[in-house]
Amino acid sequence: MGRGEEALNKGRWTEMTLCLRAFAAAAVLLIAISAGETASAQKPGGILKIYHRDSPASMSILEEATNSTEIPMMGVFNNLVLYKQDVAQNSLRSIIPDLASDWAWNEDGSELTFRLRPGVKWHDGHPFTANDVKCTWDLLLGKSPEKLRANPRKAWYQNVEAVTADTDLGATFHLKRPQPAIIALLASGYAPVYPCHVPPREMRQHPIGTGPFKFVEFKPNEYIKVERNPNYWKRDRPYLDGIEYTVIPNRSTAILSFIAGKFDMTFPFEVTVPLLRDVKSQAPQAICELVPANASANLITNRDAPPFDNPEMRRALALSLDRMAFIDILTGGHGDIGGAMQPPPAGVWGMPPDMLKTLPGYDPDVQKNRAEARDIMEKLGYGPDKRLAVKVSERNIAIFRDPAVILIDQLKEIHIDGELDPIETANWFPKIYRKDYQIGLNLTGVGVDDPDAVAPVVAVQVQGQATQGRDLSALAPLRALRSRAPDRAWVQRAVGEGVTSCPRAGCGKSARPVR
């Protein structure tokens, strides 16, 4: 690994978060990187140039549900802890210190105390203290006078009673019940610490962090720029002078620009397997890697409005899906079928194939599934002469749009005619939160391969509730599964059965060309 690439790993390229109600198709999630010299010849300095797939709504990681914000902004911040970046599979064993120098549990597992690093400063010169940790989670728990405009990961912290600043360099998470895996959530790329002295509204357009890079400018639909933090608390880091992200929504244009040498790295998860082949053939000096990524494409339904408030209608949708067709078309056969958790062997908690086949729509006999789906639709009054017309909403970028087109084609098999409804990124998640849609194609990249990250969101999905501004008391049966589960199979069944009306599948692969 070159020194520049090592610095980039601070951005946690593989982390993606937010679940919504979902059935699933398969998605290919591919990364490409390029570099002009061999690793042995790399030197500190220089501006890394990356294209960006779209223009995010803001620069606030806590308020956004997409890695379109997380990827360029994670290097601006630090977490309390993070996953060790050279360990391929995230687990509790791979968590290392970041802003926290160490941590400890109390005897009954209800309090997690972090000892913080001294001498760390925010980019504006203010000292970092435990009060910043408290302020961050007060925002996430809705206890702060300041309010987040959106809070997509609020469900993650429903088991947190409070966070206290015990000393200037000591902070404690007080839990309602023991939850060993809470630290897995804190290691996610979506858990940065925010400054207490900067209001959320300013963090949206000019974030202040403690990280290796300082925010410079975000010009919507054009670029995002960050520069080296000369006062970073990790000595001699970062290696790069800065990173520039140029917004190029058209995937083919972006790849051609990469091949032509205008960019050093493609945007993570945006290179399809066919495009990867093009990169290899037209830029043979590129270094390419194909690795698993914890993300899936999924069919979401508005369960609060007819006709999809009918569980039989939703079951018909689940039965209509040919997941292998998604995988073959989108990933060239390199994807995997899974349930709520990332499937094995890359995923630790995924349902084994025999268990997965018992879920509606996961029987490999697609024609049998669709015959059952058509029977359901006909009992509901639909048929060849009375088809159901729906709009299929999707975020207006290729990685969403391509599987949505396949989905529309498959729904035709059960008397449903779909019309593509593309939504710009800035409007996508607000639209979903408002439930201003019929059905849609969403990508879910939880990032954290742990039931405590997935189960709360799945429970929200099953109840037809968005996490924003909702009473989540019904999450209790699935919350903190790790602390109460008799064994791994029990967790797999608990999470898997929680999405039987809306299963998800298709953890894809990620490819990383590096010049």
Protein backbone atom coordinates (compact mmCIF):
# COMPACT_ATOMS: atom_id res chain seq x y z
CA MET A 1 0.00 0.00 0.00
CA GLY A 2 1.47 3.41 -0.96
CA ARG A 3 1.67 6.16 1.62
CA GLY A 4 -0.88 8.28 -0.22
CA GLU A 5 -3.33 5.39 -0.36
CA GLU A 6 -2.79 4.71 3.33
CA ALA A 7 -3.79 8.30 4.07
CA LEU A 8 -6.89 7.89 1.97
CA ASN A 9 -8.04 4.91 3.98
CA LYS A 10 -9.06 7.39 6.69
CA GLY A 11 -12.09 7.98 4.49
CA ARG A 12 -13.40 4.42 5.03
CA TRP A 13 -14.26 3.78 1.42
CA THR A 14 -16.28 0.64 2.18
CA GLU A 15 -18.70 2.15 4.70
CA MET A 16 -22.31 2.86 3.72
CA THR A 17 -25.35 3.36 5.95
CA LEU A 18 -29.16 3.65 6.20
CA CYS A 19 -31.79 0.97 5.77
CA LEU A 20 -35.32 1.58 4.59
CA ARG A 21 -38.08 -0.97 4.07
CA ALA A 22 -36.79 -3.34 1.47
CA PHE A 23 -37.18 -6.30 -0.77
CA ALA A 24 -34.06 -6.88 -2.66
CA ALA A 25 -32.46 -7.18 -5.97
CA ALA A 26 -28.72 -7.42 -6.42
CA ALA A 27 -26.38 -4.49 -6.87
CA VAL A 28 -22.79 -4.28 -8.01
CA LEU A 29 -20.70 -1.98 -5.86
CA LEU A 30 -17.33 -1.33 -7.38
CA ILE A 31 -14.36 0.89 -6.59
CA ALA A 32 -11.55 2.02 -8.84
CA ILE A 33 -8.33 3.78 -7.88
CA SER A 34 -5.46 4.98 -10.02
CA ALA A 35 -1.99 6.27 -9.24
CA GLY A 36 0.70 7.59 -11.54
CA GLU A 37 3.69 5.82 -10.02
CA THR A 38 4.45 2.54 -8.34
CA ALA A 39 3.92 2.35 -4.59
CA SER A 40 7.66 2.27 -3.95
CA ALA A 41 8.10 5.58 -5.83
CA GLN A 42 5.29 7.45 -4.08
CA LYS A 43 6.18 10.52 -2.03
CA PRO A 44 4.18 12.74 0.34
CA GLY A 45 2.34 15.66 -1.20
CA GLY A 46 0.16 16.29 -4.23
CA ILE A 47 -3.57 16.67 -4.82
CA LEU A 48 -5.56 13.48 -5.25
CA LYS A 49 -8.23 13.91 -7.93
CA ILE A 50 -11.41 11.84 -7.76
CA TYR A 51 -14.67 12.17 -9.66
CA HIS A 52 -17.88 12.28 -7.64
CA ARG A 53 -21.09 10.62 -8.82
CA ASP A 54 -23.50 13.40 -7.76
CA SER A 55 -24.05 16.54 -5.72
CA PRO A 56 -25.05 15.76 -2.10
CA ALA A 57 -27.57 17.85 -0.18
CA SER A 58 -25.00 18.99 2.39
CA MET A 59 -21.61 18.28 3.93
CA SER A 60 -23.05 17.15 7.28
CA ILE A 61 -22.39 13.43 7.80
CA LEU A 62 -24.77 13.23 10.77
CA GLU A 63 -27.65 14.63 8.71
CA GLU A 64 -27.13 12.74 5.47
CA ALA A 65 -27.99 9.13 4.69
CA THR A 66 -25.64 8.67 1.76
CA ASN A 67 -21.95 8.04 1.28
CA SER A 68 -21.99 10.83 -1.29
CA THR A 69 -21.40 13.00 1.78
CA GLU A 70 -19.58 10.51 4.02
CA ILE A 71 -16.82 9.65 1.56
CA PRO A 72 -15.51 13.18 0.87
CA MET A 73 -16.14 14.40 4.43
CA MET A 74 -14.90 11.54 6.60
CA GLY A 75 -11.32 12.75 6.31
CA VAL A 76 -12.43 16.07 7.80
CA PHE A 77 -13.43 14.34 11.05
CA ASN A 78 -12.36 11.72 13.53
CA ASN A 79 -14.35 9.08 15.38
CA LEU A 80 -13.87 7.97 18.95
CA VAL A 81 -12.86 4.60 17.50
CA LEU A 82 -12.69 3.13 14.01
CA TYR A 83 -12.18 -0.13 12.17
CA LYS A 84 -8.58 -0.99 11.35
CA GLN A 85 -8.36 -0.18 7.68
CA ASP A 86 -6.05 -3.01 6.60
CA VAL A 87 -8.37 -5.69 8.03
CA ALA A 88 -10.76 -6.81 5.31
CA GLN A 89 -13.64 -7.94 7.54
CA ASN A 90 -15.01 -5.55 10.15
CA SER A 91 -15.55 -7.02 13.61
CA LEU A 92 -15.28 -6.03 17.25
CA ARG A 93 -11.74 -7.40 17.14
CA SER A 94 -10.69 -4.96 14.41
CA ILE A 95 -11.72 -1.77 16.26
CA ILE A 96 -8.85 0.55 17.18
CA PRO A 97 -8.57 3.93 18.97
CA ASP A 98 -9.03 7.24 17.17
CA LEU A 99 -9.97 10.28 19.28
CA ALA A 100 -10.25 7.90 22.21
CA SER A 101 -6.95 6.52 23.48
CA ASP A 102 -8.70 3.61 25.21
CA TRP A 103 -12.04 2.52 26.65
CA ALA A 104 -13.50 0.31 29.36
CA TRP A 105 -16.84 -1.20 30.42
CA ASN A 106 -18.24 -1.14 33.92
CA GLU A 107 -18.97 -4.42 35.67
CA ASP A 108 -22.56 -4.90 34.46
CA GLY A 109 -21.92 -3.69 30.87
CA SER A 110 -24.23 -0.68 31.16
CA GLU A 111 -21.54 2.03 30.92
CA LEU A 112 -18.82 2.45 28.29
CA THR A 113 -16.16 5.02 29.24
CA PHE A 114 -13.68 6.53 26.79
CA ARG A 115 -10.41 8.19 27.75
CA LEU A 116 -9.71 10.90 25.16
CA ARG A 117 -6.46 12.07 23.60
CA PRO A 118 -5.02 15.30 24.99
CA GLY A 119 -3.91 18.19 22.78
CA VAL A 120 -6.34 17.59 19.91
CA LYS A 121 -7.73 20.77 18.34
CA TRP A 122 -10.56 21.56 15.97
CA HIS A 123 -9.65 23.10 12.64
CA ASP A 124 -10.58 26.56 13.96
CA GLY A 125 -8.19 26.20 16.92
CA HIS A 126 -10.68 25.33 19.66
CA PRO A 127 -9.58 22.47 21.94
CA PHE A 128 -11.33 19.11 21.62
CA THR A 129 -12.85 17.91 24.91
CA ALA A 130 -15.32 15.36 26.24
CA ASN A 131 -18.02 18.02 26.02
CA ASP A 132 -17.83 17.71 22.22
CA VAL A 133 -18.59 13.99 22.55
CA LYS A 134 -21.56 14.75 24.78
CA CYS A 135 -22.83 17.47 22.40
CA THR A 136 -22.58 15.14 19.40
CA TRP A 137 -24.71 12.41 20.95
CA ASP A 138 -27.10 14.93 22.51
CA LEU A 139 -27.76 16.00 18.91
CA LEU A 140 -28.26 12.40 17.79
CA LEU A 141 -30.52 11.62 20.78
CA GLY A 142 -32.60 14.76 20.27
CA LYS A 143 -31.57 16.20 23.67
CA SER A 144 -29.73 19.27 22.42
CA PRO A 145 -31.20 22.79 22.10
CA GLU A 146 -29.74 22.68 18.59
CA LYS A 147 -31.51 20.30 16.22
CA LEU A 148 -30.41 18.23 13.27
CA ARG A 149 -32.46 18.84 10.14
CA ALA A 150 -32.52 15.09 9.57
CA ASN A 151 -31.33 12.22 11.78
CA PRO A 152 -31.13 9.05 9.66
CA ARG A 153 -29.24 6.98 12.24
CA LYS A 154 -31.27 7.93 15.32
CA ALA A 155 -32.41 4.31 15.64
CA TRP A 156 -28.81 3.21 16.20
CA TYR A 157 -28.71 4.95 19.56
CA GLN A 158 -32.10 4.09 21.03
CA ASN A 159 -30.36 2.07 23.74
CA VAL A 160 -28.26 5.07 24.82
CA GLU A 161 -29.77 6.74 27.89
CA ALA A 162 -27.24 9.57 27.99
CA VAL A 163 -23.65 10.56 27.28
CA THR A 164 -21.80 12.43 30.01
CA ALA A 165 -18.58 14.42 30.06
CA ASP A 166 -17.00 13.15 33.28
CA THR A 167 -13.79 15.16 32.88
CA ASP A 168 -12.28 17.23 30.07
CA LEU A 169 -10.80 14.02 28.66
CA GLY A 170 -13.31 11.42 29.80
CA ALA A 171 -16.76 10.60 28.36
CA THR A 172 -19.20 7.84 29.28
CA PHE A 173 -22.04 6.27 27.29
CA HIS A 174 -24.81 5.22 29.70
CA LEU A 175 -26.93 2.39 28.23
CA LYS A 176 -30.45 1.30 29.07
CA ARG A 177 -29.30 -2.31 28.90
CA PRO A 178 -25.98 -4.02 28.14
CA GLN A 179 -25.03 -3.77 24.47
CA PRO A 180 -21.48 -4.92 23.70
CA ALA A 181 -21.85 -4.07 20.01
CA ILE A 182 -22.55 -0.36 20.57
CA ILE A 183 -18.86 0.20 19.92
CA ALA A 184 -19.29 -1.33 16.44
CA LEU A 185 -21.67 1.54 15.63
CA LEU A 186 -19.23 4.11 16.99
CA ALA A 187 -16.52 2.74 14.67
CA SER A 188 -18.66 3.38 11.59
CA GLY A 189 -17.83 6.13 9.12
CA TYR A 190 -21.18 7.65 10.07
CA ALA A 191 -20.21 8.32 13.70
CA PRO A 192 -17.87 11.34 13.61
CA VAL A 193 -17.54 13.64 16.60
CA TYR A 194 -18.90 17.15 15.96
CA PRO A 195 -17.70 20.38 17.67
CA CYS A 196 -19.92 21.72 20.43
CA HIS A 197 -19.25 25.35 19.47
CA VAL A 198 -20.36 25.09 15.81
CA PRO A 199 -24.14 24.93 15.16
CA PRO A 200 -25.54 22.21 12.85
CA ARG A 201 -26.59 24.74 10.21
CA GLU A 202 -22.94 25.76 9.73
CA MET A 203 -21.79 22.15 9.59
CA ARG A 204 -23.96 21.60 6.51
CA GLN A 205 -21.99 23.99 4.32
CA HIS A 206 -18.66 24.49 6.10
CA PRO A 207 -17.91 21.61 8.48
CA ILE A 208 -15.24 21.97 11.17
CA GLY A 209 -13.50 18.78 12.26
CA THR A 210 -10.38 17.42 13.92
CA GLY A 211 -9.39 15.21 10.98
CA PRO A 212 -6.40 15.08 8.63
CA PHE A 213 -8.11 17.30 6.04
CA LYS A 214 -9.74 20.72 6.38
CA PHE A 215 -12.85 21.58 4.40
CA VAL A 216 -12.20 24.17 1.67
CA GLU A 217 -15.28 24.48 -0.55
CA PHE A 218 -18.39 22.73 -1.79
CA LYS A 219 -19.78 24.11 -5.05
CA PRO A 220 -22.99 22.14 -5.80
CA ASN A 221 -22.93 20.22 -9.07
CA GLU A 222 -19.27 21.15 -9.60
CA TYR A 223 -16.78 20.08 -6.91
CA ILE A 224 -15.83 19.43 -3.29
CA LYS A 225 -12.34 20.37 -2.07
CA VAL A 226 -10.43 19.56 1.12
CA GLU A 227 -6.85 20.45 2.05
CA ARG A 228 -4.16 19.11 4.37
CA ASN A 229 -4.54 19.96 8.04
CA PRO A 230 -1.00 21.14 8.96
CA ASN A 231 -1.81 20.84 12.67
CA TYR A 232 -3.21 17.31 12.59
CA TRP A 233 -2.68 15.49 15.86
CA LYS A 234 -1.23 12.42 14.13
CA ARG A 235 2.36 13.37 13.44
CA ASP A 236 3.42 13.58 9.75
CA ARG A 237 -0.13 12.88 8.53
CA PRO A 238 -1.80 13.19 6.14
CA TYR A 239 0.51 12.47 3.24
CA LEU A 240 -1.58 14.31 0.65
CA ASP A 241 -1.80 18.09 0.26
CA GLY A 242 -5.48 17.80 -0.58
CA ILE A 243 -8.27 15.97 -2.35
CA GLU A 244 -10.52 17.33 -5.10
CA TYR A 245 -13.84 15.67 -5.98
CA THR A 246 -15.26 16.71 -9.36
CA VAL A 247 -18.98 16.05 -9.84
CA ILE A 248 -19.61 13.98 -12.99
CA PRO A 249 -23.03 12.28 -12.82
CA ASN A 250 -22.60 10.42 -16.12
CA ARG A 251 -20.84 7.15 -15.34
CA SER A 252 -19.42 6.60 -18.84
CA THR A 253 -18.02 10.14 -19.01
CA ALA A 254 -16.42 9.71 -15.61
CA ILE A 255 -14.80 6.38 -16.55
CA LEU A 256 -13.49 7.78 -19.82
CA SER A 257 -11.96 10.67 -17.88
CA PHE A 258 -10.33 8.20 -15.53
CA ILE A 259 -8.93 6.19 -18.44
CA ALA A 260 -7.63 9.42 -19.99
CA GLY A 261 -5.70 10.17 -16.80
CA LYS A 262 -7.76 13.14 -15.60
CA PHE A 263 -8.50 11.42 -12.29
CA ASP A 264 -6.38 9.37 -9.91
CA MET A 265 -9.29 7.43 -8.45
CA THR A 266 -12.86 6.68 -9.35
CA PHE A 267 -15.67 7.29 -6.90
CA PRO A 268 -16.12 4.18 -4.70
CA PHE A 269 -18.78 1.67 -5.75
CA GLU A 270 -19.38 3.32 -9.13
CA VAL A 271 -17.54 0.98 -11.52
CA THR A 272 -19.59 -1.87 -12.93
CA VAL A 273 -17.94 -5.17 -13.86
CA PRO A 274 -18.28 -4.42 -17.62
CA LEU A 275 -16.74 -0.97 -17.07
CA LEU A 276 -13.99 -2.57 -15.03
CA ARG A 277 -13.14 -4.69 -18.06
CA ASP A 278 -12.97 -1.50 -20.14
CA VAL A 279 -10.60 0.06 -17.63
CA LYS A 280 -8.36 -2.99 -17.72
CA SER A 281 -8.24 -3.08 -21.50
CA GLN A 282 -7.83 0.67 -22.11
CA ALA A 283 -5.67 1.50 -19.09
CA PRO A 284 -3.51 -1.60 -18.58
CA GLN A 285 -1.35 0.29 -16.08
CA ALA A 286 -4.33 0.43 -13.71
CA ILE A 287 -4.24 -1.81 -10.65
CA CYS A 288 -7.62 -3.50 -10.26
CA GLU A 289 -9.14 -5.35 -7.32
CA LEU A 290 -12.54 -7.01 -6.91
CA VAL A 291 -13.69 -7.28 -3.28
CA PRO A 292 -17.01 -7.76 -1.42
CA ALA A 293 -18.98 -4.74 -0.26
CA ASN A 294 -21.72 -4.69 2.36
CA ALA A 295 -24.54 -3.16 0.30
CA SER A 296 -27.70 -4.27 -1.45
CA ALA A 297 -30.28 -3.02 -3.90
CA ASN A 298 -33.79 -3.30 -2.54
CA LEU A 299 -37.39 -2.72 -3.45
CA ILE A 300 -39.07 -0.35 -0.99
CA THR A 301 -42.82 0.09 -0.60
CA ASN A 302 -45.02 2.75 0.96
CA ARG A 303 -46.86 0.52 3.42
CA ASP A 304 -49.10 3.35 4.61
CA ALA A 305 -50.91 3.94 1.32
CA PRO A 306 -53.03 1.69 -0.94
CA PRO A 307 -52.48 -0.65 -2.60
CA PHE A 308 -49.19 -1.55 -0.84
CA ASP A 309 -50.71 -1.32 2.63
CA ASN A 310 -52.00 -4.81 1.81
CA PRO A 311 -49.43 -7.43 2.95
CA GLU A 312 -50.54 -9.80 0.20
CA MET A 313 -49.65 -7.18 -2.40
CA ARG A 314 -46.21 -6.81 -0.85
CA ARG A 315 -45.79 -10.58 -0.81
CA ALA A 316 -46.55 -10.64 -4.54
CA LEU A 317 -43.81 -8.07 -5.11
CA ALA A 318 -41.33 -10.19 -3.17
CA LEU A 319 -42.26 -13.27 -5.17
CA SER A 320 -41.79 -11.47 -8.48
CA LEU A 321 -38.06 -10.88 -8.10
CA ASP A 322 -35.46 -12.86 -10.01
CA ARG A 323 -32.41 -12.00 -7.93
CA MET A 324 -29.95 -13.95 -10.04
CA ALA A 325 -31.02 -11.92 -13.07
CA PHE A 326 -30.06 -8.74 -11.23
CA ILE A 327 -26.71 -10.25 -10.29
CA ASP A 328 -25.99 -11.54 -13.79
CA ILE A 329 -26.91 -8.27 -15.51
CA LEU A 330 -25.43 -5.79 -13.04
CA THR A 331 -22.40 -7.63 -11.71
CA GLY A 332 -21.57 -10.13 -14.40
CA GLY A 333 -22.39 -12.90 -11.95
CA HIS A 334 -20.16 -11.55 -9.17
CA GLY A 335 -22.90 -10.61 -6.69
CA ASP A 336 -24.34 -12.63 -3.82
CA ILE A 337 -27.91 -13.26 -2.66
CA GLY A 338 -28.49 -12.42 1.00
CA GLY A 339 -31.06 -11.42 3.58
CA ALA A 340 -30.90 -8.51 5.99
CA MET A 341 -27.23 -9.13 6.81
CA GLN A 342 -24.27 -9.36 4.46
CA PRO A 343 -24.13 -12.97 3.22
CA PRO A 344 -21.25 -15.30 4.08
CA PRO A 345 -18.37 -15.77 3.67
CA ALA A 346 -17.68 -12.02 3.54
CA GLY A 347 -20.42 -11.37 6.10
CA VAL A 348 -20.18 -12.76 9.62
CA TRP A 349 -23.92 -12.74 10.45
CA GLY A 350 -25.60 -13.52 7.12
CA MET A 351 -28.19 -16.27 6.84
CA PRO A 352 -26.86 -19.54 5.36
CA PRO A 353 -28.35 -20.48 1.96
CA ASP A 354 -30.64 -23.22 3.31
CA MET A 355 -32.22 -20.82 5.78
CA LEU A 356 -32.45 -18.05 3.19
CA LYS A 357 -34.44 -20.23 0.78
CA THR A 358 -37.30 -20.41 3.29
CA LEU A 359 -38.06 -16.67 2.89
CA PRO A 360 -40.77 -15.57 0.42
CA GLY A 361 -39.29 -15.06 -3.02
CA TYR A 362 -35.95 -16.70 -2.26
CA ASP A 363 -36.88 -20.10 -3.65
CA PRO A 364 -34.61 -20.46 -6.71
CA ASP A 365 -37.63 -21.61 -8.76
CA VAL A 366 -38.50 -18.15 -10.10
CA GLN A 367 -41.34 -19.36 -12.32
CA LYS A 368 -43.05 -21.03 -9.36
CA ASN A 369 -42.67 -17.87 -7.31
CA ARG A 370 -44.14 -15.72 -10.05
CA ALA A 371 -47.06 -18.07 -10.58
CA GLU A 372 -47.90 -17.63 -6.89
CA ALA A 373 -47.48 -13.85 -7.25
CA ARG A 374 -49.85 -13.71 -10.24
CA ASP A 375 -52.38 -15.76 -8.30
CA ILE A 376 -52.24 -13.22 -5.47
CA MET A 377 -52.59 -10.30 -7.88
CA GLU A 378 -55.57 -11.88 -9.60
CA LYS A 379 -57.29 -12.46 -6.26
CA LEU A 380 -56.79 -8.74 -5.61
CA GLY A 381 -58.54 -7.89 -8.88
CA TYR A 382 -55.62 -7.45 -11.27
CA GLY A 383 -54.76 -9.41 -14.39
CA PRO A 384 -53.74 -9.22 -18.06
CA ASP A 385 -56.67 -6.90 -18.82
CA LYS A 386 -56.43 -4.86 -15.62
CA ARG A 387 -52.82 -4.04 -14.86
CA LEU A 388 -51.59 -1.98 -11.93
CA ALA A 389 -49.79 1.21 -12.95
CA VAL A 390 -47.17 2.49 -10.47
CA LYS A 391 -44.29 4.93 -10.37
CA VAL A 392 -40.97 3.39 -9.39
CA SER A 393 -39.00 6.12 -7.62
CA GLU A 394 -35.20 5.96 -7.62
CA ARG A 395 -32.30 8.24 -6.93
CA ASN A 396 -31.17 9.76 -10.21
CA ILE A 397 -27.73 8.19 -10.45
CA ALA A 398 -26.71 5.14 -12.45
CA ILE A 399 -26.14 2.79 -9.52
CA PHE A 400 -29.81 3.27 -8.54
CA ARG A 401 -31.27 3.73 -12.01
CA ASP A 402 -29.88 0.58 -13.62
CA PRO A 403 -31.45 -1.91 -11.14
CA ALA A 404 -34.68 0.13 -11.20
CA VAL A 405 -34.98 -0.51 -14.94
CA ILE A 406 -34.56 -4.26 -14.35
CA LEU A 407 -37.12 -4.11 -11.54
CA ILE A 408 -39.70 -2.50 -13.82
CA ASP A 409 -39.16 -5.24 -16.39
CA GLN A 410 -39.64 -7.98 -13.78
CA LEU A 411 -42.81 -6.45 -12.33
CA LYS A 412 -44.43 -6.80 -15.76
CA GLU A 413 -44.52 -10.54 -15.08
CA ILE A 414 -47.14 -10.04 -12.34
CA HIS A 415 -49.48 -7.52 -14.02
CA ILE A 416 -47.66 -4.38 -12.80
CA ASP A 417 -46.58 -1.62 -15.19
CA GLY A 418 -43.88 0.58 -13.66
CA GLU A 419 -42.83 4.05 -14.72
CA LEU A 420 -39.37 5.33 -13.78
CA ASP A 421 -39.48 8.30 -11.38
CA PRO A 422 -35.92 9.69 -11.05
CA ILE A 423 -35.26 11.88 -7.99
CA GLU A 424 -32.20 14.08 -7.43
CA THR A 425 -30.01 13.12 -4.47
CA ALA A 426 -30.81 16.25 -2.44
CA ASN A 427 -34.51 15.36 -2.59
CA TRP A 428 -34.33 11.56 -2.40
CA PHE A 429 -34.16 10.85 1.32
CA PRO A 430 -36.54 13.67 2.33
CA LYS A 431 -39.03 12.20 -0.17
CA ILE A 432 -38.65 8.75 1.39
CA TYR A 433 -39.02 10.12 4.92
CA ARG A 434 -42.26 11.87 3.88
CA LYS A 435 -43.45 8.62 2.28
CA ASP A 436 -44.10 10.56 -0.89
CA TYR A 437 -43.78 7.52 -3.15
CA GLN A 438 -45.51 4.28 -4.11
CA ILE A 439 -42.60 1.88 -4.57
CA GLY A 440 -38.96 2.54 -5.17
CA LEU A 441 -35.52 1.11 -5.76
CA ASN A 442 -33.10 1.97 -2.99
CA LEU A 443 -29.53 0.96 -2.17
CA THR A 444 -28.80 0.02 1.41
CA GLY A 445 -25.21 0.00 2.56
CA VAL A 446 -25.23 -0.43 6.31
CA GLY A 447 -21.44 -0.51 6.48
CA VAL A 448 -21.41 -2.13 9.92
CA ASP A 449 -21.76 -5.90 9.64
CA ASP A 450 -23.50 -6.40 12.97
CA PRO A 451 -27.14 -7.11 13.92
CA ASP A 452 -27.19 -4.12 16.27
CA ALA A 453 -26.67 -1.86 13.26
CA VAL A 454 -29.17 -3.63 11.00
CA ALA A 455 -31.94 -4.83 13.32
CA PRO A 456 -33.24 -1.41 14.45
CA VAL A 457 -33.58 -0.23 10.88
CA VAL A 458 -35.14 -3.51 9.75
CA ALA A 459 -37.68 -3.25 12.56
CA VAL A 460 -38.54 0.24 11.38
CA GLN A 461 -38.91 -1.09 7.85
CA VAL A 462 -41.26 -3.86 8.87
CA GLN A 463 -43.49 -1.45 10.75
CA GLY A 464 -43.53 0.97 7.83
CA GLN A 465 -41.94 3.70 9.91
CA ALA A 466 -39.15 6.03 8.90
CA THR A 467 -36.61 6.64 11.64
CA GLN A 468 -37.01 10.40 11.39
CA GLY A 469 -39.20 11.79 14.17
CA ARG A 470 -40.86 8.47 15.08
CA ASP A 471 -41.61 6.60 18.28
CA LEU A 472 -39.27 3.64 18.09
CA SER A 473 -40.39 1.84 21.25
CA ALA A 474 -41.44 -1.14 19.14
CA LEU A 475 -37.77 -1.79 18.38
CA ALA A 476 -37.25 -3.34 21.81
CA PRO A 477 -37.56 -7.00 20.64
CA LEU A 478 -34.74 -6.55 18.13
CA ARG A 479 -32.57 -3.96 19.85
CA ALA A 480 -29.21 -5.06 21.23
CA LEU A 481 -29.59 -8.57 19.83
CA ARG A 482 -25.95 -9.41 20.42
CA SER A 483 -26.27 -8.99 24.18
CA ARG A 484 -29.22 -11.39 24.53
CA ALA A 485 -28.94 -13.86 21.68
CA PRO A 486 -28.53 -17.54 22.63
CA ASP A 487 -26.47 -18.20 19.50
CA ARG A 488 -25.62 -16.88 16.03
CA ALA A 489 -28.39 -18.89 14.30
CA TRP A 490 -30.97 -17.31 16.60
CA VAL A 491 -29.82 -13.84 15.54
CA GLN A 492 -29.83 -14.84 11.89
CA ARG A 493 -33.41 -16.07 12.13
CA ALA A 494 -34.55 -13.09 14.21
CA VAL A 495 -33.23 -10.55 11.74
CA GLY A 496 -34.11 -12.61 8.65
CA GLU A 497 -37.68 -13.30 9.73
CA GLY A 498 -38.09 -9.63 10.51
CA VAL A 499 -37.97 -8.92 6.78
CA THR A 500 -39.94 -11.83 5.37
CA SER A 501 -42.37 -9.40 3.77
CA CYS A 502 -39.51 -7.36 2.41
CA PRO A 503 -36.33 -9.41 2.01
CA ARG A 504 -33.15 -7.82 0.71
CA ALA A 505 -30.53 -9.42 -1.43
CA GLY A 506 -27.53 -8.81 -3.60
CA CYS A 507 -24.42 -7.78 -1.76
CA GLY A 508 -22.22 -6.91 -4.72
CA LYS A 509 -18.52 -6.69 -5.29
CA SER A 510 -16.19 -3.71 -5.30
CA ALA A 511 -13.43 -3.18 -7.81
CA ARG A 512 -10.48 -0.87 -7.33
CA PRO A 513 -8.40 0.07 -10.41
CA VAL A 514 -5.29 2.00 -9.38
CA ARG A 515 -3.08 3.63 -11.99
